[in-house]
């Protein structure tokens, strides 16, 4: 175990996160800023009930956490306060540990997604499909509502009125819904040949395919989009933007 007394810690809370973008990103950031006592660690746990043990172990040396799959929703039960946006979305991806020992939850995915998406939008991008219904999809739908882009969430087991099944995606539906965002883990390394089950043959140059996955840099989902002339974007810039927003929250 690392010596905690002289160090300031930040970390990533998630499951199976050895691939973590956050650890490499912030570790390099600390080097660049010559913050020699700042450390970023992966808290790779199987169950969210292990989180209080981490908080107890690090005591006052832990100043902030990023949160990833599958704990963006279940971590709510362990926070003292959640800001308005994260509360409305129902997902937290950033935790600030205050000087008074309180844990406050935020969602910076909204900032990252919105600001990486806006430069790509055209006048015909008025309707969207969100593939997946997990915590990340909640941030995406929040942004679409803010931008007045109508959307359906696509689920293997649709349960709400704003959800449809993959079988419901037709040529006609795709003609109108020209933004498609993959919020599912399908295609993440090492399973790089996996992709969401949509009728790619109906994609056109008017479509924008956005994949929240960043490893690999071009998923099978994005490759299929490019084959049909669609504009494609992976999740790397979104991650950078949300990471910087987390850094601002931890230091304000």
Protein backbone atom coordinates (compact mmCIF):
# COMPACT_ATOMS: atom_id res chain seq x y z
CA UNK A 1 0.00 0.00 0.00
CA UNK A 2 1.27 3.46 -0.92
CA UNK A 3 2.31 5.85 1.82
CA UNK A 4 -0.67 8.18 2.28
CA UNK A 5 0.58 10.67 4.87
CA UNK A 6 2.36 13.01 2.44
CA UNK A 7 0.28 12.39 -0.66
CA UNK A 8 -2.95 13.78 -2.06
CA UNK A 9 -4.98 11.07 -3.74
CA UNK A 10 -7.53 10.97 -6.52
CA UNK A 11 -8.91 7.83 -8.09
CA UNK A 12 -11.26 5.98 -10.40
CA UNK A 13 -14.06 3.88 -8.95
CA UNK A 14 -15.17 1.07 -11.24
CA UNK A 15 -15.04 -2.61 -12.11
CA UNK A 16 -12.47 -4.19 -14.45
CA UNK A 17 -10.77 -0.84 -15.08
CA UNK A 18 -7.18 -1.88 -15.75
CA UNK A 19 -7.56 -0.17 -19.18
CA UNK A 20 -8.36 3.12 -17.44
CA UNK A 21 -8.00 6.36 -19.39
CA UNK A 22 -8.30 8.37 -16.18
CA UNK A 23 -5.24 6.99 -14.41
CA UNK A 24 -2.87 7.63 -17.30
CA UNK A 25 -4.43 11.02 -18.05
CA UNK A 26 -4.21 12.40 -14.52
CA UNK A 27 -0.85 10.81 -13.74
CA UNK A 28 0.60 12.62 -16.76
CA UNK A 29 -1.21 15.82 -15.76
CA UNK A 30 0.37 15.69 -12.31
CA UNK A 31 3.81 15.25 -13.89
CA UNK A 32 3.23 18.21 -16.22
CA UNK A 33 2.10 20.42 -13.34
CA UNK A 34 4.95 19.16 -11.11
CA UNK A 35 2.45 18.05 -8.48
CA UNK A 36 4.82 15.48 -7.03
CA UNK A 37 2.60 14.50 -4.11
CA UNK A 38 -0.54 14.03 -6.20
CA UNK A 39 -1.36 10.40 -6.97
CA UNK A 40 -4.13 8.83 -9.06
CA UNK A 41 -5.11 5.22 -8.37
CA UNK A 42 -7.64 2.72 -9.68
CA UNK A 43 -10.19 1.52 -7.14
CA UNK A 44 -11.14 -1.65 -9.00
CA UNK A 45 -13.93 -3.24 -6.95
CA UNK A 46 -16.57 -5.90 -7.54
CA UNK A 47 -19.29 -4.37 -5.40
CA UNK A 48 -20.19 -0.77 -4.52
CA UNK A 49 -20.44 -1.85 -0.86
CA UNK A 50 -16.64 -1.87 -0.84
CA UNK A 51 -16.56 1.91 -1.42
CA UNK A 52 -16.89 2.97 2.27
CA UNK A 53 -13.85 0.82 3.05
CA UNK A 54 -11.81 2.81 0.52
CA UNK A 55 -13.00 6.11 2.02
CA UNK A 56 -12.09 4.91 5.51
CA UNK A 57 -8.68 3.61 4.45
CA UNK A 58 -7.58 6.83 2.74
CA UNK A 59 -9.21 9.13 5.30
CA UNK A 60 -8.33 12.79 4.57
CA UNK A 61 -5.77 12.09 1.82
CA UNK A 62 -8.45 11.20 -0.77
CA UNK A 63 -9.75 14.39 -2.41
CA UNK A 64 -11.72 13.22 -5.43
CA UNK A 65 -12.95 10.28 -7.45
CA UNK A 66 -14.13 9.63 -10.95
CA UNK A 67 -16.83 6.97 -11.23
CA UNK A 68 -17.34 4.62 -14.16
CA UNK A 69 -19.28 1.48 -15.11
CA UNK A 70 -21.11 -0.02 -13.30
CA UNK A 71 -21.32 2.33 -10.29
CA UNK A 72 -22.54 5.68 -11.69
CA UNK A 73 -26.02 5.08 -10.29
CA UNK A 74 -25.45 2.88 -7.23
CA UNK A 75 -22.86 5.30 -5.76
CA UNK A 76 -25.72 7.72 -4.96
CA UNK A 77 -26.41 5.79 -1.75
CA UNK A 78 -22.95 6.64 -0.40
CA UNK A 79 -22.94 10.39 -1.01
CA UNK A 80 -23.86 13.21 1.36
CA UNK A 81 -24.98 15.52 -1.43
CA UNK A 82 -25.59 15.43 -5.19
CA UNK A 83 -25.63 18.56 -7.34
CA UNK A 84 -28.72 19.49 -9.35
CA UNK A 85 -27.60 18.23 -12.77
CA UNK A 86 -26.35 14.87 -11.51
CA UNK A 87 -29.51 14.48 -9.48
CA UNK A 88 -31.74 15.14 -12.49
CA UNK A 89 -29.73 12.77 -14.67
CA UNK A 90 -29.60 10.05 -12.04
CA UNK A 91 -25.90 9.34 -12.58
CA UNK A 92 -22.69 10.53 -10.89
CA UNK A 93 -19.25 10.32 -12.47
CA UNK A 94 -17.33 12.71 -10.22
CA UNK A 95 -17.09 12.86 -6.43
CA UNK A 96 -15.52 15.71 -4.45
CA UNK A 97 -14.34 15.02 -0.91
CA UNK A 98 -14.78 18.31 0.95
CA UNK A 99 -12.61 19.59 3.79
CA UNK A 100 -15.49 18.80 6.14
CA UNK A 101 -15.46 15.16 5.12
CA UNK A 102 -18.59 15.33 2.97
CA UNK A 103 -18.89 13.45 -0.31
CA UNK A 104 -20.55 15.49 -3.07
CA UNK A 105 -21.54 13.97 -6.43
CA UNK A 106 -21.43 15.66 -9.85
CA UNK A 107 -21.84 14.65 -13.49
CA UNK A 108 -19.21 15.98 -15.89
CA UNK A 109 -20.18 13.56 -18.69
CA UNK A 110 -22.79 16.15 -19.69
CA UNK A 111 -20.14 18.83 -20.18
CA UNK A 112 -17.85 16.45 -22.06
CA UNK A 113 -20.50 15.06 -24.40
CA UNK A 114 -22.17 18.38 -25.19
CA UNK A 115 -18.97 20.24 -25.98
CA UNK A 116 -17.54 17.46 -28.13
CA UNK A 117 -20.83 17.03 -30.01
CA UNK A 118 -21.74 20.66 -30.79
CA UNK A 119 -19.09 21.26 -33.51
CA UNK A 120 -20.41 18.23 -35.44
CA UNK A 121 -24.09 19.16 -35.56
CA UNK A 122 -25.78 20.14 -38.83
CA UNK A 123 -29.24 21.57 -39.43
CA UNK A 124 -30.67 18.13 -40.29
CA UNK A 125 -29.52 16.61 -37.00
CA UNK A 126 -32.85 16.98 -35.21
CA UNK A 127 -33.50 13.41 -34.03
CA UNK A 128 -31.28 10.80 -32.40
CA UNK A 129 -31.01 7.19 -31.30
CA UNK A 130 -29.23 6.37 -28.05
CA UNK A 131 -27.99 2.77 -27.99
CA UNK A 132 -28.08 1.56 -24.39
CA UNK A 133 -29.87 2.64 -21.23
CA UNK A 134 -27.14 2.76 -18.56
CA UNK A 135 -25.67 5.70 -16.64
CA UNK A 136 -23.83 7.15 -19.64
CA UNK A 137 -27.01 7.20 -21.71
CA UNK A 138 -28.64 9.40 -19.08
CA UNK A 139 -26.05 12.13 -19.61
CA UNK A 140 -26.48 11.87 -23.39
CA UNK A 141 -30.28 12.14 -23.18
CA UNK A 142 -29.92 15.14 -20.84
CA UNK A 143 -27.83 16.92 -23.48
CA UNK A 144 -30.31 16.07 -26.25
CA UNK A 145 -33.18 17.47 -24.20
CA UNK A 146 -31.16 20.65 -23.58
CA UNK A 147 -30.46 20.97 -27.32
CA UNK A 148 -34.09 20.11 -28.20
CA UNK A 149 -33.04 17.02 -30.17
CA UNK A 150 -35.75 14.38 -30.02
CA UNK A 151 -34.53 10.87 -29.28
CA UNK A 152 -35.35 7.25 -28.62
CA UNK A 153 -33.32 5.04 -26.35
CA UNK A 154 -32.72 1.63 -27.91
CA UNK A 155 -32.81 -1.32 -25.55
CA UNK A 156 -32.84 -5.10 -25.83
CA UNK A 157 -35.74 -4.95 -23.37
CA UNK A 158 -37.59 -1.64 -23.80
CA UNK A 159 -39.76 -0.71 -20.84
CA UNK A 160 -40.52 3.02 -21.19
CA UNK A 161 -42.33 5.09 -23.80
CA UNK A 162 -39.06 6.71 -24.91
CA UNK A 163 -37.48 3.29 -25.54
CA UNK A 164 -37.60 1.06 -28.60
CA UNK A 165 -36.05 -2.30 -29.42
CA UNK A 166 -33.26 -2.92 -31.91
CA UNK A 167 -35.83 -4.70 -34.10
CA UNK A 168 -37.75 -1.41 -34.33
CA UNK A 169 -34.91 0.34 -36.18
CA UNK A 170 -36.06 0.50 -39.80
CA UNK A 171 -34.95 2.32 -42.93
CA UNK A 172 -37.70 4.90 -42.33
CA UNK A 173 -36.67 5.45 -38.72
CA UNK A 174 -33.02 5.97 -39.69
CA UNK A 175 -33.93 8.53 -42.35
CA UNK A 176 -35.18 10.81 -39.57
CA UNK A 177 -32.87 9.83 -36.72
CA UNK A 178 -29.53 10.90 -38.16
CA UNK A 179 -27.57 10.97 -34.89
CA UNK A 180 -26.72 7.58 -33.39
CA UNK A 181 -24.82 7.40 -30.10
CA UNK A 182 -23.45 4.13 -28.77
CA UNK A 183 -23.63 4.15 -24.98
CA UNK A 184 -23.31 0.38 -24.71
CA UNK A 185 -19.97 -1.37 -24.00
CA UNK A 186 -20.18 -3.33 -27.27
CA UNK A 187 -16.92 -3.04 -29.18
CA UNK A 188 -14.68 -2.19 -26.23
CA UNK A 189 -11.21 -3.74 -26.24
CA UNK A 190 -10.56 -6.68 -26.31
CA UNK A 191 -13.94 -7.49 -27.94
CA UNK A 192 -13.24 -5.19 -30.86
CA UNK A 193 -15.38 -7.08 -33.40
CA UNK A 194 -18.59 -6.60 -31.42
CA UNK A 195 -21.01 -3.87 -32.46
CA UNK A 196 -24.62 -2.87 -31.77
CA UNK A 197 -27.16 -4.76 -33.85
CA UNK A 198 -28.55 -2.02 -36.09
CA UNK A 199 -29.22 -2.08 -39.87
CA UNK A 200 -26.01 -0.36 -40.97
CA UNK A 201 -26.96 -0.74 -44.65
CA UNK A 202 -29.43 2.14 -44.24
CA UNK A 203 -26.82 4.65 -43.04
CA UNK A 204 -26.00 7.63 -45.28
CA UNK A 205 -23.71 10.64 -45.47
CA UNK A 206 -26.26 12.55 -43.39
CA UNK A 207 -25.67 10.34 -40.37
CA UNK A 208 -23.45 11.14 -37.40
CA UNK A 209 -22.25 8.14 -35.41
CA UNK A 210 -20.81 8.89 -31.99
CA UNK A 211 -19.29 6.11 -29.86
CA UNK A 212 -18.57 6.77 -26.20
CA UNK A 213 -15.90 4.05 -26.43
CA UNK A 214 -12.32 5.27 -26.98
CA UNK A 215 -10.45 1.94 -26.95
CA UNK A 216 -10.11 1.01 -29.77
CA UNK A 217 -10.01 4.48 -31.33
CA UNK A 218 -12.22 3.24 -34.17
CA UNK A 219 -14.79 0.66 -33.13
CA UNK A 220 -16.59 -1.76 -35.45
CA UNK A 221 -19.64 0.49 -35.00
CA UNK A 222 -17.73 3.53 -36.31
CA UNK A 223 -16.11 1.53 -39.11
CA UNK A 224 -19.55 0.53 -40.40
CA UNK A 225 -20.60 4.17 -40.31
CA UNK A 226 -17.57 5.27 -42.34
CA UNK A 227 -18.30 2.62 -44.96
CA UNK A 228 -21.57 4.40 -45.67
CA UNK A 229 -20.14 7.92 -45.62
CA UNK A 230 -21.33 8.85 -42.13
CA UNK A 231 -19.45 11.31 -39.92
CA UNK A 232 -17.94 9.43 -36.96
CA UNK A 233 -16.57 10.42 -33.55
CA UNK A 234 -15.16 8.38 -30.68
CA UNK A 235 -15.32 9.18 -26.97
CA UNK A 236 -11.76 10.38 -26.39
CA UNK A 237 -12.41 14.12 -26.54
CA UNK A 238 -15.46 13.69 -24.30
CA UNK A 239 -13.24 11.93 -21.75
CA UNK A 240 -10.64 14.70 -21.86
CA UNK A 241 -13.29 17.39 -21.42
CA UNK A 242 -15.06 15.61 -18.55
CA UNK A 243 -11.71 14.92 -16.87
CA UNK A 244 -10.77 18.61 -16.97
CA UNK A 245 -14.18 19.54 -15.62
CA UNK A 246 -13.66 17.05 -12.76
CA UNK A 247 -10.30 18.68 -12.04
CA UNK A 248 -11.99 22.09 -11.79
CA UNK A 249 -14.57 20.70 -9.36
CA UNK A 250 -11.92 19.12 -7.14
CA UNK A 251 -9.95 22.36 -6.97
CA UNK A 252 -12.69 24.96 -6.66
